[in-house]
Structure formats: structure tokens, C-alpha cells
Amino acid sequence: MRRIRRGDDVVVIAGKDKGRRGTVVSVLTDDRLVVQNINMVKKHRKPSANQAGGIINKEMPLHISNVMLFNPVTGKGDRVGFRTLEDGRKVRFFKSNNEVVDAS
């Protein structure tokens, strides 16, 4: 089970986009993820048979240590822990206020 998953709201805590919020688009490996509209770069694309060439904006991967899960109760980024409930489910929870992240 991962601390940060696809679809989570995260806050960037280091780098050129520090302080910005976004949604995780994909988790690439154990330590890299892509966040929507964060870490944008200009990419010079060569035209091919199915796509036009030109300069495009593209999201590049971030290291997982540079983001924190956004806690809507506190309005800030928060650390995440794991806990097993009485019914045997393993869930994530925010360390600051012990709120469960995945209520489903």
C-alpha cells in the first residue's frame, strides 16, 4: 500500500513549484509521480505521422519526497501513517489529527 496514490490531492514542499497544490495523475515507480499542472516544462516535439510538431507544455515527474498529502481539515500538507481497523482493513490516516484518509 502506498502513502500517495493516483487521484490524491498533494502539496509540493520543495522545488520551483513549492506551495502549489495538484492532483496526482500517475505514480510511475516507487519514488516518482506526476502531478497535474505541476513541474511543467517546454518540450520541442518533432512532427510525426499522427501528431503535429512544435513546442508543447508537459508535466514531468516529481520525487515522492517533494510532495505531501493535502489535509482538507487543516488546509496544509500532512504526514500519512497506516492503521488496521477492527474489520481487518488497512487504511491511511493523517498523523496530525488521526483522521482516516480513505473512508471507503
PDB file of N, CA and C in Angstrom:
ATOM      1  N   MET A   1       0.848  -1.180   0.000  1.00  0.00           N
ATOM      2  CA  MET A   1       0.000   0.000   0.000  1.00  0.00           C
ATOM      3  C   MET A   1       0.893   1.243   0.000  1.00  0.00           C
ATOM      4  N   ARG A   2       0.557   2.188  -0.829  1.00  0.00           N
ATOM      5  CA  ARG A   2       1.362   3.403  -0.960  1.00  0.00           C
ATOM      6  C   ARG A   2       0.785   4.542  -0.138  1.00  0.00           C
ATOM      7  N   ARG A   3       1.667   5.415   0.289  1.00  0.00           N
ATOM      8  CA  ARG A   3       1.229   6.583   1.070  1.00  0.00           C
ATOM      9  C   ARG A   3       0.515   7.592   0.187  1.00  0.00           C
ATOM     10  N   ILE A   4       0.959   7.714  -1.052  1.00  0.00           N
ATOM     11  CA  ILE A   4       0.325   8.634  -2.003  1.00  0.00           C
ATOM     12  C   ILE A   4      -0.087   7.821  -3.220  1.00  0.00           C
ATOM     13  N   ARG A   5      -1.345   7.983  -3.640  1.00  0.00           N
ATOM     14  CA  ARG A   5      -1.904   7.216  -4.750  1.00  0.00           C
ATOM     15  C   ARG A   5      -2.433   8.138  -5.837  1.00  0.00           C
ATOM     16  N   ARG A   6      -2.775   7.558  -6.977  1.00  0.00           N
ATOM     17  CA  ARG A   6      -3.372   8.320  -8.064  1.00  0.00           C
ATOM     18  C   ARG A   6      -4.706   8.901  -7.607  1.00  0.00           C
ATOM     19  N   GLY A   7      -4.938  10.171  -7.899  1.00  0.00           N
ATOM     20  CA  GLY A   7      -6.179  10.835  -7.521  1.00  0.00           C
ATOM     21  C   GLY A   7      -6.094  11.615  -6.227  1.00  0.00           C
ATOM     22  N   ASP A   8      -5.017  11.477  -5.463  1.00  0.00           N
ATOM     23  CA  ASP A   8      -4.857  12.215  -4.210  1.00  0.00           C
ATOM     24  C   ASP A   8      -4.517  13.671  -4.489  1.00  0.00           C
ATOM     25  N   ASP A   9      -4.977  14.567  -3.611  1.00  0.00           N
ATOM     26  CA  ASP A   9      -4.559  15.968  -3.654  1.00  0.00           C
ATOM     27  C   ASP A   9      -3.285  16.096  -2.848  1.00  0.00           C
ATOM     28  N   VAL A  10      -2.265  16.718  -3.456  1.00  0.00           N
ATOM     29  CA  VAL A  10      -0.980  16.855  -2.791  1.00  0.00           C
ATOM     30  C   VAL A  10      -0.519  18.304  -2.834  1.00  0.00           C
ATOM     31  N   VAL A  11       0.415  18.650  -1.925  1.00  0.00           N
ATOM     32  CA  VAL A  11       1.048  19.957  -1.869  1.00  0.00           C
ATOM     33  C   VAL A  11       2.526  19.749  -2.128  1.00  0.00           C
ATOM     34  N   VAL A  12       3.107  20.564  -3.011  1.00  0.00           N
ATOM     35  CA  VAL A  12       4.532  20.469  -3.308  1.00  0.00           C
ATOM     36  C   VAL A  12       5.287  21.199  -2.197  1.00  0.00           C
ATOM     37  N   ILE A  13       6.288  20.531  -1.602  1.00  0.00           N
ATOM     38  CA  ILE A  13       7.011  21.121  -0.477  1.00  0.00           C
ATOM     39  C   ILE A  13       8.438  21.507  -0.828  1.00  0.00           C
ATOM     40  N   ALA A  14       8.895  21.206  -2.045  1.00  0.00           N
ATOM     41  CA  ALA A  14      10.247  21.566  -2.457  1.00  0.00           C
ATOM     42  C   ALA A  14      10.287  21.741  -3.967  1.00  0.00           C
ATOM     43  N   GLY A  15      11.183  22.610  -4.426  1.00  0.00           N
ATOM     44  CA  GLY A  15      11.360  22.812  -5.857  1.00  0.00           C
ATOM     45  C   GLY A  15      10.748  24.109  -6.341  1.00  0.00           C
ATOM     46  N   LYS A  16      10.702  24.256  -7.652  1.00  0.00           N
ATOM     47  CA  LYS A  16      10.241  25.513  -8.247  1.00  0.00           C
ATOM     48  C   LYS A  16       8.748  25.761  -8.051  1.00  0.00           C
ATOM     49  N   ASP A  17       7.969  24.716  -7.808  1.00  0.00           N
ATOM     50  CA  ASP A  17       6.523  24.856  -7.606  1.00  0.00           C
ATOM     51  C   ASP A  17       6.134  24.715  -6.141  1.00  0.00           C
ATOM     52  N   LYS A  18       7.033  25.041  -5.233  1.00  0.00           N
ATOM     53  CA  LYS A  18       6.781  24.893  -3.796  1.00  0.00           C
ATOM     54  C   LYS A  18       5.538  25.675  -3.386  1.00  0.00           C
ATOM     55  N   GLY A  19       4.651  25.002  -2.634  1.00  0.00           N
ATOM     56  CA  GLY A  19       3.436  25.636  -2.150  1.00  0.00           C
ATOM     57  C   GLY A  19       2.218  25.411  -3.031  1.00  0.00           C
ATOM     58  N   ARG A  20       2.399  24.921  -4.242  1.00  0.00           N
ATOM     59  CA  ARG A  20       1.269  24.705  -5.141  1.00  0.00           C
ATOM     60  C   ARG A  20       0.617  23.357  -4.879  1.00  0.00           C
ATOM     61  N   ARG A  21      -0.695  23.302  -5.155  1.00  0.00           N
ATOM     62  CA  ARG A  21      -1.470  22.074  -4.980  1.00  0.00           C
ATOM     63  C   ARG A  21      -1.849  21.498  -6.319  1.00  0.00           C
ATOM     64  N   GLY A  22      -1.992  20.170  -6.341  1.00  0.00           N
ATOM     65  CA  GLY A  22      -2.418  19.497  -7.559  1.00  0.00           C
ATOM     66  C   GLY A  22      -2.884  18.086  -7.254  1.00  0.00           C
ATOM     67  N   THR A  23      -3.409  17.447  -8.273  1.00  0.00           N
ATOM     68  CA  THR A  23      -3.895  16.077  -8.154  1.00  0.00           C
ATOM     69  C   THR A  23      -2.905  15.138  -8.816  1.00  0.00           C
ATOM     70  N   VAL A  24      -2.649  14.003  -8.187  1.00  0.00           N
ATOM     71  CA  VAL A  24      -1.712  13.024  -8.723  1.00  0.00           C
ATOM     72  C   VAL A  24      -2.346  12.367  -9.946  1.00  0.00           C
ATOM     73  N   VAL A  25      -1.664  12.481 -11.093  1.00  0.00           N
ATOM     74  CA  VAL A  25      -2.139  11.895 -12.337  1.00  0.00           C
ATOM     75  C   VAL A  25      -1.724  10.431 -12.416  1.00  0.00           C
ATOM     76  N   SER A  26      -0.469  10.152 -12.078  1.00  0.00           N
ATOM     77  CA  SER A  26       0.014   8.779 -12.110  1.00  0.00           C
ATOM     78  C   SER A  26       1.205   8.617 -11.178  1.00  0.00           C
ATOM     79  N   VAL A  27       1.364   7.406 -10.677  1.00  0.00           N
ATOM     80  CA  VAL A  27       2.530   7.035  -9.886  1.00  0.00           C
ATOM     81  C   VAL A  27       3.366   6.132 -10.788  1.00  0.00           C
ATOM     82  N   LEU A  28       4.569   6.594 -11.134  1.00  0.00           N
ATOM     83  CA  LEU A  28       5.371   5.895 -12.134  1.00  0.00           C
ATOM     84  C   LEU A  28       6.165   4.733 -11.544  1.00  0.00           C
ATOM     85  N   THR A  29       6.906   4.987 -10.491  1.00  0.00           N
ATOM     86  CA  THR A  29       7.679   3.945  -9.831  1.00  0.00           C
ATOM     87  C   THR A  29       7.435   4.092  -8.338  1.00  0.00           C
ATOM     88  N   ASP A  30       8.270   3.445  -7.548  1.00  0.00           N
ATOM     89  CA  ASP A  30       8.107   3.558  -6.096  1.00  0.00           C
ATOM     90  C   ASP A  30       8.417   4.955  -5.582  1.00  0.00           C
ATOM     91  N   ASP A  31       9.179   5.742  -6.340  1.00  0.00           N
ATOM     92  CA  ASP A  31       9.576   7.044  -5.821  1.00  0.00           C
ATOM     93  C   ASP A  31       9.311   8.219  -6.756  1.00  0.00           C
ATOM     94  N   ARG A  32       8.567   8.041  -7.838  1.00  0.00           N
ATOM     95  CA  ARG A  32       8.277   9.123  -8.783  1.00  0.00           C
ATOM     96  C   ARG A  32       6.785   9.189  -9.065  1.00  0.00           C
ATOM     97  N   LEU A  33       6.263  10.419  -9.214  1.00  0.00           N
ATOM     98  CA  LEU A  33       4.859  10.599  -9.569  1.00  0.00           C
ATOM     99  C   LEU A  33       4.685  11.854 -10.393  1.00  0.00           C
ATOM    100  N   VAL A  34       3.585  11.911 -11.144  1.00  0.00           N
ATOM    101  CA  VAL A  34       3.250  13.062 -11.983  1.00  0.00           C
ATOM    102  C   VAL A  34       2.040  13.739 -11.366  1.00  0.00           C
ATOM    103  N   VAL A  35       2.149  15.071 -11.166  1.00  0.00           N
ATOM    104  CA  VAL A  35       1.071  15.857 -10.577  1.00  0.00           C
ATOM    105  C   VAL A  35       0.537  16.802 -11.643  1.00  0.00           C
ATOM    106  N   GLN A  36      -0.777  16.931 -11.703  1.00  0.00           N
ATOM    107  CA  GLN A  36      -1.435  17.746 -12.730  1.00  0.00           C
ATOM    108  C   GLN A  36      -1.020  19.210 -12.622  1.00  0.00           C
ATOM    109  N   ASN A  37      -0.524  19.780 -13.729  1.00  0.00           N
ATOM    110  CA  ASN A  37      -0.113  21.179 -13.859  1.00  0.00           C
ATOM    111  C   ASN A  37       1.002  21.587 -12.902  1.00  0.00           C
ATOM    112  N   ILE A  38       1.832  20.639 -12.467  1.00  0.00           N
ATOM    113  CA  ILE A  38       2.990  20.930 -11.623  1.00  0.00           C
ATOM    114  C   ILE A  38       4.228  20.424 -12.345  1.00  0.00           C
ATOM    115  N   ASN A  39       5.343  21.150 -12.197  1.00  0.00           N
ATOM    116  CA  ASN A  39       6.624  20.805 -12.822  1.00  0.00           C
ATOM    117  C   ASN A  39       6.487  20.758 -14.342  1.00  0.00           C
ATOM    118  N   MET A  40       5.883  21.816 -14.891  1.00  0.00           N
ATOM    119  CA  MET A  40       5.685  21.910 -16.333  1.00  0.00           C
ATOM    120  C   MET A  40       6.991  22.314 -17.012  1.00  0.00           C
ATOM    121  N   VAL A  41       7.273  21.683 -18.154  1.00  0.00           N
ATOM    122  CA  VAL A  41       8.436  22.025 -18.965  1.00  0.00           C
ATOM    123  C   VAL A  41       7.987  22.205 -20.410  1.00  0.00           C
ATOM    124  N   LYS A  42       8.788  22.929 -21.172  1.00  0.00           N
ATOM    125  CA  LYS A  42       8.525  23.081 -22.594  1.00  0.00           C
ATOM    126  C   LYS A  42       9.308  22.005 -23.337  1.00  0.00           C
ATOM    127  N   LYS A  43       8.596  21.252 -24.161  1.00  0.00           N
ATOM    128  CA  LYS A  43       9.198  20.138 -24.888  1.00  0.00           C
ATOM    129  C   LYS A  43       9.093  20.438 -26.375  1.00  0.00           C
ATOM    130  N   HIS A  44      10.216  20.337 -27.085  1.00  0.00           N
ATOM    131  CA  HIS A  44      10.228  20.534 -28.528  1.00  0.00           C
ATOM    132  C   HIS A  44       9.947  19.188 -29.177  1.00  0.00           C
ATOM    133  N   ARG A  45       8.778  19.074 -29.787  1.00  0.00           N
ATOM    134  CA  ARG A  45       8.357  17.802 -30.358  1.00  0.00           C
ATOM    135  C   ARG A  45       8.530  17.836 -31.872  1.00  0.00           C
ATOM    136  N   LYS A  46       9.112  16.784 -32.393  1.00  0.00           N
ATOM    137  CA  LYS A  46       9.284  16.631 -33.830  1.00  0.00           C
ATOM    138  C   LYS A  46       7.986  16.073 -34.419  1.00  0.00           C
ATOM    139  N   PRO A  47       7.539  16.601 -35.561  1.00  0.00           N
ATOM    140  CA  PRO A  47       6.298  16.081 -36.132  1.00  0.00           C
ATOM    141  C   PRO A  47       6.458  14.638 -36.608  1.00  0.00           C
ATOM    142  N   SER A  48       5.381  13.882 -36.461  1.00  0.00           N
ATOM    143  CA  SER A  48       5.367  12.513 -36.958  1.00  0.00           C
ATOM    144  C   SER A  48       4.052  12.294 -37.701  1.00  0.00           C
ATOM    145  N   ALA A  49       3.785  11.072 -38.077  1.00  0.00           N
ATOM    146  CA  ALA A  49       2.607  10.767 -38.887  1.00  0.00           C
ATOM    147  C   ALA A  49       1.304  11.066 -38.156  1.00  0.00           C
ATOM    148  N   ASN A  50       1.262  10.884 -36.834  1.00  0.00           N
ATOM    149  CA  ASN A  50      -0.006  11.054 -36.117  1.00  0.00           C
ATOM    150  C   ASN A  50      -0.045  12.256 -35.190  1.00  0.00           C
ATOM    151  N   GLN A  51       1.021  13.072 -35.115  1.00  0.00           N
ATOM    152  CA  GLN A  51       0.978  14.250 -34.254  1.00  0.00           C
ATOM    153  C   GLN A  51       1.760  15.393 -34.879  1.00  0.00           C
ATOM    154  N   ALA A  52       1.292  16.597 -34.579  1.00  0.00           N
ATOM    155  CA  ALA A  52       1.937  17.791 -35.116  1.00  0.00           C
ATOM    156  C   ALA A  52       3.167  18.130 -34.284  1.00  0.00           C
ATOM    157  N   GLY A  53       4.112  18.798 -34.921  1.00  0.00           N
ATOM    158  CA  GLY A  53       5.314  19.218 -34.220  1.00  0.00           C
ATOM    159  C   GLY A  53       5.117  20.580 -33.570  1.00  0.00           C
ATOM    160  N   GLY A  54       6.092  20.998 -32.796  1.00  0.00           N
ATOM    161  CA  GLY A  54       6.041  22.301 -32.155  1.00  0.00           C
ATOM    162  C   GLY A  54       6.492  22.221 -30.712  1.00  0.00           C
ATOM    163  N   ILE A  55       6.268  23.304 -29.987  1.00  0.00           N
ATOM    164  CA  ILE A  55       6.645  23.370 -28.578  1.00  0.00           C
ATOM    165  C   ILE A  55       5.398  23.099 -27.747  1.00  0.00           C
ATOM    166  N   ILE A  56       5.464  22.082 -26.911  1.00  0.00           N
ATOM    167  CA  ILE A  56       4.319  21.727 -26.067  1.00  0.00           C
ATOM    168  C   ILE A  56       4.719  21.855 -24.598  1.00  0.00           C
ATOM    169  N   ASN A  57       3.729  22.061 -23.748  1.00  0.00           N
ATOM    170  CA  ASN A  57       3.944  22.047 -22.306  1.00  0.00           C
ATOM    171  C   ASN A  57       3.626  20.658 -21.795  1.00  0.00           C
ATOM    172  N   LYS A  58       4.504  20.135 -20.940  1.00  0.00           N
ATOM    173  CA  LYS A  58       4.379  18.763 -20.485  1.00  0.00           C
ATOM    174  C   LYS A  58       4.687  18.696 -18.990  1.00  0.00           C
ATOM    175  N   GLU A  59       3.962  17.820 -18.277  1.00  0.00           N
ATOM    176  CA  GLU A  59       4.237  17.612 -16.859  1.00  0.00           C
ATOM    177  C   GLU A  59       5.344  16.583 -16.724  1.00  0.00           C
ATOM    178  N   MET A  60       6.325  16.885 -15.908  1.00  0.00           N
ATOM    179  CA  MET A  60       7.422  15.956 -15.671  1.00  0.00           C
ATOM    180  C   MET A  60       7.284  15.350 -14.277  1.00  0.00           C
ATOM    181  N   PRO A  61       7.865  14.178 -14.058  1.00  0.00           N
ATOM    182  CA  PRO A  61       7.738  13.507 -12.761  1.00  0.00           C
ATOM    183  C   PRO A  61       8.448  14.250 -11.639  1.00  0.00           C
ATOM    184  N   LEU A  62       7.896  14.111 -10.437  1.00  0.00           N
ATOM    185  CA  LEU A  62       8.484  14.642  -9.207  1.00  0.00           C
ATOM    186  C   LEU A  62       8.882  13.465  -8.328  1.00  0.00           C
ATOM    187  N   HIS A  63       9.851  13.707  -7.466  1.00  0.00           N
ATOM    188  CA  HIS A  63      10.174  12.681  -6.475  1.00  0.00           C
ATOM    189  C   HIS A  63       9.100  12.720  -5.394  1.00  0.00           C
ATOM    190  N   ILE A  64       8.741  11.563  -4.882  1.00  0.00           N
ATOM    191  CA  ILE A  64       7.640  11.464  -3.915  1.00  0.00           C
ATOM    192  C   ILE A  64       7.945  12.189  -2.611  1.00  0.00           C
ATOM    193  N   SER A  65       9.243  12.392  -2.314  1.00  0.00           N
ATOM    194  CA  SER A  65       9.609  13.094  -1.088  1.00  0.00           C
ATOM    195  C   SER A  65       9.365  14.595  -1.188  1.00  0.00           C
ATOM    196  N   ASN A  66       9.098  15.104  -2.390  1.00  0.00           N
ATOM    197  CA  ASN A  66       8.862  16.534  -2.574  1.00  0.00           C
ATOM    198  C   ASN A  66       7.387  16.912  -2.502  1.00  0.00           C
ATOM    199  N   VAL A  67       6.508  15.970  -2.169  1.00  0.00           N
ATOM    200  CA  VAL A  67       5.087  16.269  -2.031  1.00  0.00           C
ATOM    201  C   VAL A  67       4.564  15.702  -0.712  1.00  0.00           C
ATOM    202  N   MET A  68       3.501  16.331  -0.204  1.00  0.00           N
ATOM    203  CA  MET A  68       2.800  15.840   0.978  1.00  0.00           C
ATOM    204  C   MET A  68       1.320  15.761   0.650  1.00  0.00           C
ATOM    205  N   LEU A  69       0.648  14.800   1.240  1.00  0.00           N
ATOM    206  CA  LEU A  69      -0.790  14.652   1.054  1.00  0.00           C
ATOM    207  C   LEU A  69      -1.504  15.842   1.684  1.00  0.00           C
ATOM    208  N   PHE A  70      -2.467  16.446   0.955  1.00  0.00           N
ATOM    209  CA  PHE A  70      -3.182  17.618   1.440  1.00  0.00           C
ATOM    210  C   PHE A  70      -4.279  17.188   2.406  1.00  0.00           C
ATOM    211  N   ASN A  71      -4.282  17.801   3.605  1.00  0.00           N
ATOM    212  CA  ASN A  71      -5.300  17.536   4.616  1.00  0.00           C
ATOM    213  C   ASN A  71      -6.343  18.645   4.543  1.00  0.00           C
ATOM    214  N   PRO A  72      -7.580  18.352   4.118  1.00  0.00           N
ATOM    215  CA  PRO A  72      -8.590  19.406   3.979  1.00  0.00           C
ATOM    216  C   PRO A  72      -9.027  20.008   5.311  1.00  0.00           C
ATOM    217  N   VAL A  73      -8.864  19.281   6.404  1.00  0.00           N
ATOM    218  CA  VAL A  73      -9.268  19.802   7.726  1.00  0.00           C
ATOM    219  C   VAL A  73      -8.334  20.915   8.170  1.00  0.00           C
ATOM    220  N   THR A  74      -7.018  20.691   8.050  1.00  0.00           N
ATOM    221  CA  THR A  74      -6.041  21.695   8.478  1.00  0.00           C
ATOM    222  C   THR A  74      -5.692  22.670   7.365  1.00  0.00           C
ATOM    223  N   GLY A  75      -5.937  22.279   6.104  1.00  0.00           N
ATOM    224  CA  GLY A  75      -5.627  23.152   4.972  1.00  0.00           C
ATOM    225  C   GLY A  75      -4.155  23.158   4.614  1.00  0.00           C
ATOM    226  N   LYS A  76      -3.397  22.169   5.092  1.00  0.00           N
ATOM    227  CA  LYS A  76      -1.964  22.099   4.826  1.00  0.00           C
ATOM    228  C   LYS A  76      -1.592  20.670   4.433  1.00  0.00           C
ATOM    229  N   GLY A  77      -0.335  20.494   4.051  1.00  0.00           N
ATOM    230  CA  GLY A  77       0.171  19.165   3.782  1.00  0.00           C
ATOM    231  C   GLY A  77       0.372  18.422   5.092  1.00  0.00           C
ATOM    232  N   ASP A  78       0.237  17.109   5.057  1.00  0.00           N
ATOM    233  CA  ASP A  78       0.306  16.334   6.287  1.00  0.00           C
ATOM    234  C   ASP A  78       1.004  15.009   6.038  1.00  0.00           C
ATOM    235  N   ARG A  79       1.621  14.479   7.094  1.00  0.00           N
ATOM    236  CA  ARG A  79       2.240  13.165   7.017  1.00  0.00           C
ATOM    237  C   ARG A  79       1.153  12.094   7.102  1.00  0.00           C
ATOM    238  N   VAL A  80       1.466  10.923   6.553  1.00  0.00           N
ATOM    239  CA  VAL A  80       0.488   9.844   6.461  1.00  0.00           C
ATOM    240  C   VAL A  80       1.039   8.608   7.154  1.00  0.00           C
ATOM    241  N   GLY A  81       0.162   7.928   7.906  1.00  0.00           N
ATOM    242  CA  GLY A  81       0.518   6.662   8.529  1.00  0.00           C
ATOM    243  C   GLY A  81      -0.489   5.603   8.141  1.00  0.00           C
ATOM    244  N   PHE A  82      -0.257   4.375   8.588  1.00  0.00           N
ATOM    245  CA  PHE A  82      -1.151   3.261   8.294  1.00  0.00           C
ATOM    246  C   PHE A  82      -1.697   2.695   9.583  1.00  0.00           C
ATOM    247  N   ARG A  83      -2.918   2.221   9.516  1.00  0.00           N
ATOM    248  CA  ARG A  83      -3.581   1.636  10.680  1.00  0.00           C
ATOM    249  C   ARG A  83      -4.501   0.539  10.183  1.00  0.00           C
ATOM    250  N   THR A  84      -4.668  -0.501  11.000  1.00  0.00           N
ATOM    251  CA  THR A  84      -5.589  -1.575  10.682  1.00  0.00           C
ATOM    252  C   THR A  84      -6.844  -1.392  11.522  1.00  0.00           C
ATOM    253  N   LEU A  85      -8.001  -1.367  10.862  1.00  0.00           N
ATOM    254  CA  LEU A  85      -9.273  -1.186  11.564  1.00  0.00           C
ATOM    255  C   LEU A  85      -9.731  -2.506  12.177  1.00  0.00           C
ATOM    256  N   GLU A  86     -10.816  -2.432  12.952  1.00  0.00           N
ATOM    257  CA  GLU A  86     -11.343  -3.616  13.628  1.00  0.00           C
ATOM    258  C   GLU A  86     -11.797  -4.694  12.649  1.00  0.00           C
ATOM    259  N   ASP A  87     -12.298  -4.263  11.479  1.00  0.00           N
ATOM    260  CA  ASP A  87     -12.772  -5.238  10.497  1.00  0.00           C
ATOM    261  C   ASP A  87     -11.639  -5.805   9.633  1.00  0.00           C
ATOM    262  N   GLY A  88     -10.394  -5.443   9.936  1.00  0.00           N
ATOM    263  CA  GLY A  88      -9.246  -6.006   9.238  1.00  0.00           C
ATOM    264  C   GLY A  88      -8.739  -5.191   8.065  1.00  0.00           C
ATOM    265  N   ARG A  89      -9.411  -4.075   7.732  1.00  0.00           N
ATOM    266  CA  ARG A  89      -8.966  -3.243   6.606  1.00  0.00           C
ATOM    267  C   ARG A  89      -7.763  -2.401   7.020  1.00  0.00           C
ATOM    268  N   LYS A  90      -6.808  -2.239   6.110  1.00  0.00           N
ATOM    269  CA  LYS A  90      -5.660  -1.377   6.326  1.00  0.00           C
ATOM    270  C   LYS A  90      -5.954  -0.042   5.664  1.00  0.00           C
ATOM    271  N   VAL A  91      -5.908   1.051   6.427  1.00  0.00           N
ATOM    272  CA  VAL A  91      -6.253   2.371   5.902  1.00  0.00           C
ATOM    273  C   VAL A  91      -5.136   3.363   6.205  1.00  0.00           C
ATOM    274  N   ARG A  92      -5.131   4.456   5.440  1.00  0.00           N
ATOM    275  CA  ARG A  92      -4.196   5.551   5.689  1.00  0.00           C
ATOM    276  C   ARG A  92      -4.864   6.559   6.617  1.00  0.00           C
ATOM    277  N   PHE A  93      -4.056   7.226   7.453  1.00  0.00           N
ATOM    278  CA  PHE A  93      -4.593   8.268   8.314  1.00  0.00           C
ATOM    279  C   PHE A  93      -3.594   9.412   8.400  1.00  0.00           C
ATOM    280  N   PHE A  94      -4.124  10.635   8.658  1.00  0.00           N
ATOM    281  CA  PHE A  94      -3.276  11.805   8.832  1.00  0.00           C
ATOM    282  C   PHE A  94      -2.678  11.779  10.230  1.00  0.00           C
ATOM    283  N   LYS A  95      -1.381  12.013  10.327  1.00  0.00           N
ATOM    284  CA  LYS A  95      -0.700  11.940  11.627  1.00  0.00           C
ATOM    285  C   LYS A  95      -1.076  13.112  12.541  1.00  0.00           C
ATOM    286  N   SER A  96      -1.462  14.268  11.979  1.00  0.00           N
ATOM    287  CA  SER A  96      -1.721  15.437  12.830  1.00  0.00           C
ATOM    288  C   SER A  96      -3.028  15.319  13.609  1.00  0.00           C
ATOM    289  N   ASN A  97      -4.083  14.784  12.978  1.00  0.00           N
ATOM    290  CA  ASN A  97      -5.387  14.745  13.653  1.00  0.00           C
ATOM    291  C   ASN A  97      -6.019  13.356  13.659  1.00  0.00           C
ATOM    292  N   ASN A  98      -5.284  12.331  13.238  1.00  0.00           N
ATOM    293  CA  ASN A  98      -5.753  10.938  13.248  1.00  0.00           C
ATOM    294  C   ASN A  98      -7.007  10.692  12.420  1.00  0.00           C
ATOM    295  N   GLU A  99      -7.302  11.555  11.443  1.00  0.00           N
ATOM    296  CA  GLU A  99      -8.430  11.355  10.542  1.00  0.00           C
ATOM    297  C   GLU A  99      -8.055  10.306   9.494  1.00  0.00           C
ATOM    298  N   VAL A 100      -8.993   9.427   9.156  1.00  0.00           N
ATOM    299  CA  VAL A 100      -8.750   8.412   8.139  1.00  0.00           C
ATOM    300  C   VAL A 100      -8.855   9.050   6.765  1.00  0.00           C
ATOM    301  N   VAL A 101      -7.879   8.766   5.900  1.00  0.00           N
ATOM    302  CA  VAL A 101      -7.850   9.345   4.552  1.00  0.00           C
ATOM    303  C   VAL A 101      -8.874   8.648   3.669  1.00  0.00           C
ATOM    304  N   ASP A 102      -8.828   7.311   3.596  1.00  0.00           N
ATOM    305  CA  ASP A 102      -9.757   6.580   2.734  1.00  0.00           C
ATOM    306  C   ASP A 102     -10.890   6.040   3.601  1.00  0.00           C
ATOM    307  N   ALA A 103     -12.018   6.695   3.513  1.00  0.00           N
ATOM    308  CA  ALA A 103     -13.174   6.272   4.309  1.00  0.00           C
ATOM    309  C   ALA A 103     -13.906   5.105   3.651  1.00  0.00           C
ATOM    310  N   SER A 104     -13.635   4.843   2.365  1.00  0.00           N
ATOM    311  CA  SER A 104     -14.342   3.763   1.667  1.00  0.00           C
ATOM    312  C   SER A 104     -13.865   2.395   2.063  1.00  0.00           C
TER     313      SER A 104
END
